[in-house]
């Protein structure tokens, strides 16, 4: 039985993925969420273990990782799905508890930190997988203004955080080569009927089932065993934005990430 941790499992895509994985009875689920009531509900319906943490505070990310490490000897799959969306017209900039631009913190720094902390458990699996839920919306970070203090726009901040996560996934895959642990990123589907999409102000485009299927394939699809360092658009391997394959861009992003996580 595989042990799978899904972040952002109390709502939307994460919850639907948890429910589908629970239905076949082959997996043990660890379910992260921020809202205690919703998290308890999905834990009841799936039989998963609820793990509450607010990813807008990086010390809570470390606490969550420490809790999982203390209770379990291995982790087979980490699905980094938790995230902050956007409103198409949003221009109000919010900060995380640590003083970072909120989407950069929750959508990027939190999964990077969580993955780093849980890598020993993933190495304890026969074939660990890291699945990072990204987006087709991708924009490069302005390294002169990484916290997006000027001309802030919510969709752009979201897209910056998602390209950063894709870049990190490629770096992670390089570092894990030969270890048996794989790392891939996926754009699940466009504007699925979730609360995140409702808040965006956009019309729904794809079904939730399409998004679940795309992520599920990376979680336990036999055909992707050993596949690493890839970006998928729904069910198909695709090319991310050009910066994801630019060594200089990724090197600058790694340096920025190191600095931002230095105290964690």
C-alpha atoms as a PDB file:
ATOM      1  CA  UNK A   1       0.000   0.000   0.000  1.00  0.00           C
ATOM      2  CA  UNK A   2       1.467   3.339  -1.084  1.00  0.00           C
ATOM      3  CA  UNK A   3       1.696   6.236   1.373  1.00  0.00           C
ATOM      4  CA  UNK A   4       0.705   9.482  -0.371  1.00  0.00           C
ATOM      5  CA  UNK A   5       0.746  13.024   1.026  1.00  0.00           C
ATOM      6  CA  UNK A   6      -1.521  15.480  -0.793  1.00  0.00           C
ATOM      7  CA  UNK A   7      -1.278  19.151   0.138  1.00  0.00           C
ATOM      8  CA  UNK A   8      -4.346  21.296  -0.330  1.00  0.00           C
ATOM      9  CA  UNK A   9      -6.533  18.209   0.042  1.00  0.00           C
ATOM     10  CA  UNK A  10      -9.481  19.833   1.808  1.00  0.00           C
ATOM     11  CA  UNK A  11     -11.008  21.386  -1.321  1.00  0.00           C
ATOM     12  CA  UNK A  12     -11.015  21.443  -5.099  1.00  0.00           C
ATOM     13  CA  UNK A  13      -8.564  19.356  -7.082  1.00  0.00           C
ATOM     14  CA  UNK A  14      -6.761  18.039  -3.999  1.00  0.00           C
ATOM     15  CA  UNK A  15      -9.954  16.769  -2.431  1.00  0.00           C
ATOM     16  CA  UNK A  16     -11.171  15.187  -5.664  1.00  0.00           C
ATOM     17  CA  UNK A  17      -7.800  13.478  -6.111  1.00  0.00           C
ATOM     18  CA  UNK A  18      -7.921  12.169  -2.537  1.00  0.00           C
ATOM     19  CA  UNK A  19     -11.422  10.791  -3.055  1.00  0.00           C
ATOM     20  CA  UNK A  20     -10.428   9.012  -6.256  1.00  0.00           C
ATOM     21  CA  UNK A  21      -7.292   7.515  -4.725  1.00  0.00           C
ATOM     22  CA  UNK A  22      -9.242   6.391  -1.673  1.00  0.00           C
ATOM     23  CA  UNK A  23     -11.877   4.672  -3.800  1.00  0.00           C
ATOM     24  CA  UNK A  24      -9.575   1.910  -5.050  1.00  0.00           C
ATOM     25  CA  UNK A  25      -8.271   1.044  -1.592  1.00  0.00           C
ATOM     26  CA  UNK A  26      -4.632   0.698  -2.652  1.00  0.00           C
ATOM     27  CA  UNK A  27      -3.262   3.793  -0.931  1.00  0.00           C
ATOM     28  CA  UNK A  28      -2.853   5.260   2.529  1.00  0.00           C
ATOM     29  CA  UNK A  29      -3.488   8.998   2.384  1.00  0.00           C
ATOM     30  CA  UNK A  30      -2.042  11.869   4.378  1.00  0.00           C
ATOM     31  CA  UNK A  31      -4.218  14.920   3.804  1.00  0.00           C
ATOM     32  CA  UNK A  32      -2.988  18.451   4.344  1.00  0.00           C
ATOM     33  CA  UNK A  33      -5.323  21.412   4.605  1.00  0.00           C
ATOM     34  CA  UNK A  34      -5.686  24.770   6.283  1.00  0.00           C
ATOM     35  CA  UNK A  35      -9.399  24.734   7.169  1.00  0.00           C
ATOM     36  CA  UNK A  36      -9.909  22.313  10.059  1.00  0.00           C
ATOM     37  CA  UNK A  37     -13.589  21.584   9.381  1.00  0.00           C
ATOM     38  CA  UNK A  38     -13.186  20.881   5.672  1.00  0.00           C
ATOM     39  CA  UNK A  39     -10.074  18.831   6.362  1.00  0.00           C
ATOM     40  CA  UNK A  40     -11.893  16.717   8.929  1.00  0.00           C
ATOM     41  CA  UNK A  41     -14.712  16.116   6.471  1.00  0.00           C
ATOM     42  CA  UNK A  42     -12.472  14.879   3.660  1.00  0.00           C
ATOM     43  CA  UNK A  43     -10.549  12.737   6.143  1.00  0.00           C
ATOM     44  CA  UNK A  44     -13.831  11.082   7.162  1.00  0.00           C
ATOM     45  CA  UNK A  45     -14.888  10.424   3.570  1.00  0.00           C
ATOM     46  CA  UNK A  46     -11.511   9.048   2.453  1.00  0.00           C
ATOM     47  CA  UNK A  47     -10.125   7.437   5.598  1.00  0.00           C
ATOM     48  CA  UNK A  48      -7.067   9.640   5.300  1.00  0.00           C
ATOM     49  CA  UNK A  49      -5.036  11.204   8.104  1.00  0.00           C
ATOM     50  CA  UNK A  50      -5.704  14.963   8.504  1.00  0.00           C
ATOM     51  CA  UNK A  51      -2.680  17.244   8.828  1.00  0.00           C
ATOM     52  CA  UNK A  52      -3.447  20.901   9.391  1.00  0.00           C
ATOM     53  CA  UNK A  53      -0.959  23.646   8.489  1.00  0.00           C
ATOM     54  CA  UNK A  54      -1.045  27.144   7.012  1.00  0.00           C
ATOM     55  CA  UNK A  55       1.483  27.311   4.185  1.00  0.00           C
ATOM     56  CA  UNK A  56       1.558  31.095   4.465  1.00  0.00           C
ATOM     57  CA  UNK A  57       3.842  30.453   7.449  1.00  0.00           C
ATOM     58  CA  UNK A  58       6.976  28.496   6.596  1.00  0.00           C
ATOM     59  CA  UNK A  59       7.521  27.353  10.166  1.00  0.00           C
ATOM     60  CA  UNK A  60       4.191  25.517   9.859  1.00  0.00           C
ATOM     61  CA  UNK A  61       5.492  23.822   6.719  1.00  0.00           C
ATOM     62  CA  UNK A  62       8.507  22.597   8.684  1.00  0.00           C
ATOM     63  CA  UNK A  63       6.271  21.484  11.544  1.00  0.00           C
ATOM     64  CA  UNK A  64       4.138  19.468   9.147  1.00  0.00           C
ATOM     65  CA  UNK A  65       7.213  17.816   7.650  1.00  0.00           C
ATOM     66  CA  UNK A  66       8.540  17.007  11.102  1.00  0.00           C
ATOM     67  CA  UNK A  67       5.211  15.453  12.092  1.00  0.00           C
ATOM     68  CA  UNK A  68       5.155  13.227   9.011  1.00  0.00           C
ATOM     69  CA  UNK A  69       8.799  12.273   9.521  1.00  0.00           C
ATOM     70  CA  UNK A  70       8.160  11.386  13.148  1.00  0.00           C
ATOM     71  CA  UNK A  71       5.171   9.162  12.369  1.00  0.00           C
ATOM     72  CA  UNK A  72       6.222   7.423   9.148  1.00  0.00           C
ATOM     73  CA  UNK A  73       9.317   5.631   7.968  1.00  0.00           C
ATOM     74  CA  UNK A  74       8.795   6.324   4.305  1.00  0.00           C
ATOM     75  CA  UNK A  75       6.748   8.381   1.849  1.00  0.00           C
ATOM     76  CA  UNK A  76       5.932   7.040  -1.601  1.00  0.00           C
ATOM     77  CA  UNK A  77       4.372  10.109  -3.220  1.00  0.00           C
ATOM     78  CA  UNK A  78       4.322  13.809  -2.363  1.00  0.00           C
ATOM     79  CA  UNK A  79       1.711  15.810  -4.272  1.00  0.00           C
ATOM     80  CA  UNK A  80       2.403  19.535  -3.886  1.00  0.00           C
ATOM     81  CA  UNK A  81      -1.032  20.868  -4.765  1.00  0.00           C
ATOM     82  CA  UNK A  82      -1.809  23.573  -2.174  1.00  0.00           C
ATOM     83  CA  UNK A  83      -1.855  27.051  -3.602  1.00  0.00           C
ATOM     84  CA  UNK A  84      -3.267  30.560  -3.697  1.00  0.00           C
ATOM     85  CA  UNK A  85      -5.088  31.487  -6.894  1.00  0.00           C
ATOM     86  CA  UNK A  86      -5.965  34.907  -8.268  1.00  0.00           C
ATOM     87  CA  UNK A  87      -8.718  37.189  -9.441  1.00  0.00           C
ATOM     88  CA  UNK A  88      -8.300  38.266 -13.025  1.00  0.00           C
ATOM     89  CA  UNK A  89      -8.519  41.946 -12.003  1.00  0.00           C
ATOM     90  CA  UNK A  90      -6.768  41.624  -8.647  1.00  0.00           C
ATOM     91  CA  UNK A  91      -4.161  44.242  -7.792  1.00  0.00           C
ATOM     92  CA  UNK A  92      -4.009  44.031  -3.985  1.00  0.00           C
ATOM     93  CA  UNK A  93      -0.680  42.674  -2.822  1.00  0.00           C
ATOM     94  CA  UNK A  94      -0.702  40.490   0.303  1.00  0.00           C
ATOM     95  CA  UNK A  95       2.239  39.214   2.335  1.00  0.00           C
ATOM     96  CA  UNK A  96       2.753  35.869   4.008  1.00  0.00           C
ATOM     97  CA  UNK A  97       3.372  35.665   7.747  1.00  0.00           C
ATOM     98  CA  UNK A  98       7.100  35.697   6.970  1.00  0.00           C
ATOM     99  CA  UNK A  99       6.803  38.913   4.954  1.00  0.00           C
ATOM    100  CA  UNK A 100       7.012  37.363   1.475  1.00  0.00           C
ATOM    101  CA  UNK A 101       4.634  38.057  -1.399  1.00  0.00           C
ATOM    102  CA  UNK A 102       1.827  35.599  -0.685  1.00  0.00           C
ATOM    103  CA  UNK A 103       1.756  33.582  -3.925  1.00  0.00           C
ATOM    104  CA  UNK A 104       5.524  33.308  -4.035  1.00  0.00           C
ATOM    105  CA  UNK A 105       5.418  31.987  -0.469  1.00  0.00           C
ATOM    106  CA  UNK A 106       2.532  29.527  -0.698  1.00  0.00           C
ATOM    107  CA  UNK A 107       2.795  28.355  -4.303  1.00  0.00           C
ATOM    108  CA  UNK A 108       6.576  28.144  -4.472  1.00  0.00           C
ATOM    109  CA  UNK A 109       8.569  28.471  -1.258  1.00  0.00           C
ATOM    110  CA  UNK A 110       6.260  26.202   0.763  1.00  0.00           C
ATOM    111  CA  UNK A 111       6.448  23.208  -1.615  1.00  0.00           C
ATOM    112  CA  UNK A 112      10.191  23.674  -2.080  1.00  0.00           C
ATOM    113  CA  UNK A 113      10.696  23.628   1.694  1.00  0.00           C
ATOM    114  CA  UNK A 114       8.286  20.742   2.258  1.00  0.00           C
ATOM    115  CA  UNK A 115       9.965  18.646  -0.416  1.00  0.00           C
ATOM    116  CA  UNK A 116      13.404  19.370   0.995  1.00  0.00           C
ATOM    117  CA  UNK A 117      12.319  18.294   4.456  1.00  0.00           C
ATOM    118  CA  UNK A 118      10.613  15.109   3.243  1.00  0.00           C
ATOM    119  CA  UNK A 119      13.304  13.890   0.841  1.00  0.00           C
ATOM    120  CA  UNK A 120      14.721  11.407   3.386  1.00  0.00           C
ATOM    121  CA  UNK A 121      11.292   9.740   3.583  1.00  0.00           C
ATOM    122  CA  UNK A 122      10.962   9.705  -0.198  1.00  0.00           C
ATOM    123  CA  UNK A 123      14.361   8.048  -0.427  1.00  0.00           C
ATOM    124  CA  UNK A 124      12.954   5.398   1.893  1.00  0.00           C
ATOM    125  CA  UNK A 125      10.454   4.397  -0.769  1.00  0.00           C
ATOM    126  CA  UNK A 126      11.249   1.845  -3.448  1.00  0.00           C
ATOM    127  CA  UNK A 127      10.330   4.433  -6.091  1.00  0.00           C
ATOM    128  CA  UNK A 128       9.339   7.781  -4.570  1.00  0.00           C
ATOM    129  CA  UNK A 129       7.547  10.389  -6.647  1.00  0.00           C
ATOM    130  CA  UNK A 130       7.235  14.157  -6.281  1.00  0.00           C
ATOM    131  CA  UNK A 131       4.315  15.611  -8.233  1.00  0.00           C
ATOM    132  CA  UNK A 132       4.170  19.403  -8.412  1.00  0.00           C
ATOM    133  CA  UNK A 133       0.873  20.895  -9.539  1.00  0.00           C
ATOM    134  CA  UNK A 134       1.855  23.807 -11.752  1.00  0.00           C
ATOM    135  CA  UNK A 135      -0.027  25.778 -14.393  1.00  0.00           C
ATOM    136  CA  UNK A 136      -0.008  26.615 -18.057  1.00  0.00           C
ATOM    137  CA  UNK A 137       0.115  30.220 -16.849  1.00  0.00           C
ATOM    138  CA  UNK A 138       3.852  30.933 -16.510  1.00  0.00           C
ATOM    139  CA  UNK A 139       5.838  34.143 -16.215  1.00  0.00           C
ATOM    140  CA  UNK A 140       9.457  34.783 -15.188  1.00  0.00           C
ATOM    141  CA  UNK A 141      10.284  36.434 -11.894  1.00  0.00           C
ATOM    142  CA  UNK A 142      11.719  39.936 -12.102  1.00  0.00           C
ATOM    143  CA  UNK A 143      14.923  39.415 -10.126  1.00  0.00           C
ATOM    144  CA  UNK A 144      15.161  43.177  -9.558  1.00  0.00           C
ATOM    145  CA  UNK A 145      11.757  42.993  -7.840  1.00  0.00           C
ATOM    146  CA  UNK A 146      11.250  39.369  -6.748  1.00  0.00           C
ATOM    147  CA  UNK A 147       8.617  40.320  -4.177  1.00  0.00           C
ATOM    148  CA  UNK A 148       6.561  42.076  -6.869  1.00  0.00           C
ATOM    149  CA  UNK A 149       6.396  45.364  -4.967  1.00  0.00           C
ATOM    150  CA  UNK A 150       5.860  47.371  -8.163  1.00  0.00           C
ATOM    151  CA  UNK A 151       2.814  47.199 -10.455  1.00  0.00           C
ATOM    152  CA  UNK A 152       1.428  44.160  -8.675  1.00  0.00           C
ATOM    153  CA  UNK A 153      -1.121  42.012 -10.511  1.00  0.00           C
ATOM    154  CA  UNK A 154      -2.537  38.785  -9.067  1.00  0.00           C
ATOM    155  CA  UNK A 155      -2.520  36.680 -12.273  1.00  0.00           C
ATOM    156  CA  UNK A 156       1.085  37.658 -12.940  1.00  0.00           C
ATOM    157  CA  UNK A 157       2.114  36.808  -9.374  1.00  0.00           C
ATOM    158  CA  UNK A 158       0.420  33.415  -9.706  1.00  0.00           C
ATOM    159  CA  UNK A 159       2.116  32.752 -13.044  1.00  0.00           C
ATOM    160  CA  UNK A 160       5.512  33.748 -11.642  1.00  0.00           C
ATOM    161  CA  UNK A 161       5.140  31.323  -8.754  1.00  0.00           C
ATOM    162  CA  UNK A 162       4.104  28.462 -11.047  1.00  0.00           C
ATOM    163  CA  UNK A 163       7.007  28.893 -13.464  1.00  0.00           C
ATOM    164  CA  UNK A 164       9.323  28.981 -10.458  1.00  0.00           C
ATOM    165  CA  UNK A 165       7.843  25.672  -9.285  1.00  0.00           C
ATOM    166  CA  UNK A 166       8.427  24.113 -12.697  1.00  0.00           C
ATOM    167  CA  UNK A 167      12.048  25.302 -12.668  1.00  0.00           C
ATOM    168  CA  UNK A 168      12.528  23.846  -9.204  1.00  0.00           C
ATOM    169  CA  UNK A 169      11.058  20.538 -10.373  1.00  0.00           C
ATOM    170  CA  UNK A 170      13.628  20.311 -13.152  1.00  0.00           C
ATOM    171  CA  UNK A 171      16.473  21.120 -10.749  1.00  0.00           C
ATOM    172  CA  UNK A 172      15.120  18.606  -8.263  1.00  0.00           C
ATOM    173  CA  UNK A 173      14.950  15.895 -10.924  1.00  0.00           C
ATOM    174  CA  UNK A 174      18.556  16.598 -11.878  1.00  0.00           C
ATOM    175  CA  UNK A 175      19.637  16.293  -8.258  1.00  0.00           C
ATOM    176  CA  UNK A 176      17.686  13.065  -7.769  1.00  0.00           C
ATOM    177  CA  UNK A 177      18.962  11.345 -10.907  1.00  0.00           C
ATOM    178  CA  UNK A 178      19.865   7.740 -10.168  1.00  0.00           C
ATOM    179  CA  UNK A 179      18.253   7.771  -6.710  1.00  0.00           C
ATOM    180  CA  UNK A 180      14.979   6.115  -7.680  1.00  0.00           C
ATOM    181  CA  UNK A 181      12.990   9.223  -6.684  1.00  0.00           C
ATOM    182  CA  UNK A 182      11.358  11.125  -9.550  1.00  0.00           C
ATOM    183  CA  UNK A 183      10.027  14.681  -9.825  1.00  0.00           C
ATOM    184  CA  UNK A 184       7.582  16.006 -12.408  1.00  0.00           C
ATOM    185  CA  UNK A 185       5.237  18.971 -12.766  1.00  0.00           C
ATOM    186  CA  UNK A 186       1.796  19.130 -14.328  1.00  0.00           C
ATOM    187  CA  UNK A 187      -0.783  21.642 -15.475  1.00  0.00           C
ATOM    188  CA  UNK A 188      -3.875  19.602 -14.603  1.00  0.00           C
ATOM    189  CA  UNK A 189      -6.582  21.427 -16.575  1.00  0.00           C
ATOM    190  CA  UNK A 190      -7.882  24.925 -17.263  1.00  0.00           C
ATOM    191  CA  UNK A 191     -10.356  26.638 -14.928  1.00  0.00           C
ATOM    192  CA  UNK A 192     -11.961  23.550 -13.443  1.00  0.00           C
ATOM    193  CA  UNK A 193     -15.147  23.994 -11.361  1.00  0.00           C
ATOM    194  CA  UNK A 194     -13.378  24.606  -8.050  1.00  0.00           C
ATOM    195  CA  UNK A 195     -13.551  27.394  -5.502  1.00  0.00           C
ATOM    196  CA  UNK A 196     -10.195  28.684  -6.757  1.00  0.00           C
ATOM    197  CA  UNK A 197     -11.558  29.022 -10.285  1.00  0.00           C
ATOM    198  CA  UNK A 198     -14.767  30.619  -9.012  1.00  0.00           C
ATOM    199  CA  UNK A 199     -12.745  33.286  -7.237  1.00  0.00           C
ATOM    200  CA  UNK A 200     -10.746  33.976 -10.403  1.00  0.00           C
ATOM    201  CA  UNK A 201     -13.652  35.642 -12.197  1.00  0.00           C
ATOM    202  CA  UNK A 202     -13.129  33.397 -15.235  1.00  0.00           C
ATOM    203  CA  UNK A 203     -15.558  31.006 -16.874  1.00  0.00           C
ATOM    204  CA  UNK A 204     -15.071  27.294 -16.266  1.00  0.00           C
ATOM    205  CA  UNK A 205     -13.300  25.504 -19.128  1.00  0.00           C
ATOM    206  CA  UNK A 206     -12.352  21.936 -18.204  1.00  0.00           C
ATOM    207  CA  UNK A 207     -13.894  19.340 -15.941  1.00  0.00           C
ATOM    208  CA  UNK A 208     -12.523  18.485 -12.541  1.00  0.00           C
ATOM    209  CA  UNK A 209     -12.260  14.887 -13.705  1.00  0.00           C
ATOM    210  CA  UNK A 210      -9.800  15.929 -16.401  1.00  0.00           C
ATOM    211  CA  UNK A 211      -7.548  17.567 -13.830  1.00  0.00           C
ATOM    212  CA  UNK A 212      -7.721  14.619 -11.456  1.00  0.00           C
ATOM    213  CA  UNK A 213      -6.864  12.212 -14.262  1.00  0.00           C
ATOM    214  CA  UNK A 214      -3.811  14.268 -15.260  1.00  0.00           C
ATOM    215  CA  UNK A 215      -2.425  14.377 -11.724  1.00  0.00           C
ATOM    216  CA  UNK A 216      -3.377  10.784 -10.927  1.00  0.00           C
ATOM    217  CA  UNK A 217      -1.295   9.550 -13.864  1.00  0.00           C
ATOM    218  CA  UNK A 218       1.801  11.078 -12.302  1.00  0.00           C
ATOM    219  CA  UNK A 219       0.918   9.749  -8.858  1.00  0.00           C
ATOM    220  CA  UNK A 220       0.601   6.061  -9.679  1.00  0.00           C
ATOM    221  CA  UNK A 221       0.623   5.551 -13.443  1.00  0.00           C
ATOM    222  CA  UNK A 222       2.805   2.522 -14.142  1.00  0.00           C
ATOM    223  CA  UNK A 223       3.823   3.934 -17.520  1.00  0.00           C
ATOM    224  CA  UNK A 224       5.547   6.866 -15.777  1.00  0.00           C
ATOM    225  CA  UNK A 225       7.653   4.797 -13.396  1.00  0.00           C
ATOM    226  CA  UNK A 226      11.186   6.175 -13.593  1.00  0.00           C
ATOM    227  CA  UNK A 227      10.134   9.211 -15.681  1.00  0.00           C
ATOM    228  CA  UNK A 228      11.532  12.396 -14.183  1.00  0.00           C
ATOM    229  CA  UNK A 229      12.181  16.031 -14.984  1.00  0.00           C
ATOM    230  CA  UNK A 230       9.166  16.417 -17.269  1.00  0.00           C
ATOM    231  CA  UNK A 231       6.378  18.966 -17.532  1.00  0.00           C
ATOM    232  CA  UNK A 232       2.923  17.734 -18.497  1.00  0.00           C
ATOM    233  CA  UNK A 233       0.013  19.726 -19.897  1.00  0.00           C
ATOM    234  CA  UNK A 234      -2.987  17.713 -18.711  1.00  0.00           C
ATOM    235  CA  UNK A 235      -2.171  14.183 -19.857  1.00  0.00           C
ATOM    236  CA  UNK A 236       0.535  14.989 -22.381  1.00  0.00           C
ATOM    237  CA  UNK A 237       4.208  15.776 -21.993  1.00  0.00           C
ATOM    238  CA  UNK A 238       4.797  19.372 -23.076  1.00  0.00           C
ATOM    239  CA  UNK A 239       7.278  22.230 -23.033  1.00  0.00           C
ATOM    240  CA  UNK A 240       7.132  24.803 -20.278  1.00  0.00           C
ATOM    241  CA  UNK A 241       8.097  28.454 -20.760  1.00  0.00           C
ATOM    242  CA  UNK A 242      11.566  29.028 -22.199  1.00  0.00           C
ATOM    243  CA  UNK A 243      13.020  30.192 -18.868  1.00  0.00           C
ATOM    244  CA  UNK A 244      12.510  26.713 -17.429  1.00  0.00           C
ATOM    245  CA  UNK A 245      15.260  25.451 -19.756  1.00  0.00           C
ATOM    246  CA  UNK A 246      17.545  28.474 -19.353  1.00  0.00           C
ATOM    247  CA  UNK A 247      20.500  27.574 -17.064  1.00  0.00           C
ATOM    248  CA  UNK A 248      21.162  31.215 -16.199  1.00  0.00           C
ATOM    249  CA  UNK A 249      17.555  31.870 -15.179  1.00  0.00           C
ATOM    250  CA  UNK A 250      17.397  28.726 -13.063  1.00  0.00           C
ATOM    251  CA  UNK A 251      20.735  29.544 -11.439  1.00  0.00           C
ATOM    252  CA  UNK A 252      19.425  32.986 -10.388  1.00  0.00           C
ATOM    253  CA  UNK A 253      16.201  31.423  -9.128  1.00  0.00           C
ATOM    254  CA  UNK A 254      18.140  28.877  -7.067  1.00  0.00           C
ATOM    255  CA  UNK A 255      20.175  31.678  -5.486  1.00  0.00           C
ATOM    256  CA  UNK A 256      17.039  33.683  -4.686  1.00  0.00           C
ATOM    257  CA  UNK A 257      15.338  30.615  -3.236  1.00  0.00           C
ATOM    258  CA  UNK A 258      18.372  29.809  -1.090  1.00  0.00           C
ATOM    259  CA  UNK A 259      18.354  33.340   0.310  1.00  0.00           C
ATOM    260  CA  UNK A 260      14.611  33.363   1.021  1.00  0.00           C
ATOM    261  CA  UNK A 261      14.727  29.993   2.794  1.00  0.00           C
ATOM    262  CA  UNK A 262      18.012  30.619   4.612  1.00  0.00           C
ATOM    263  CA  UNK A 263      16.292  30.966   7.997  1.00  0.00           C
ATOM    264  CA  UNK A 264      14.185  27.833   7.521  1.00  0.00           C
END
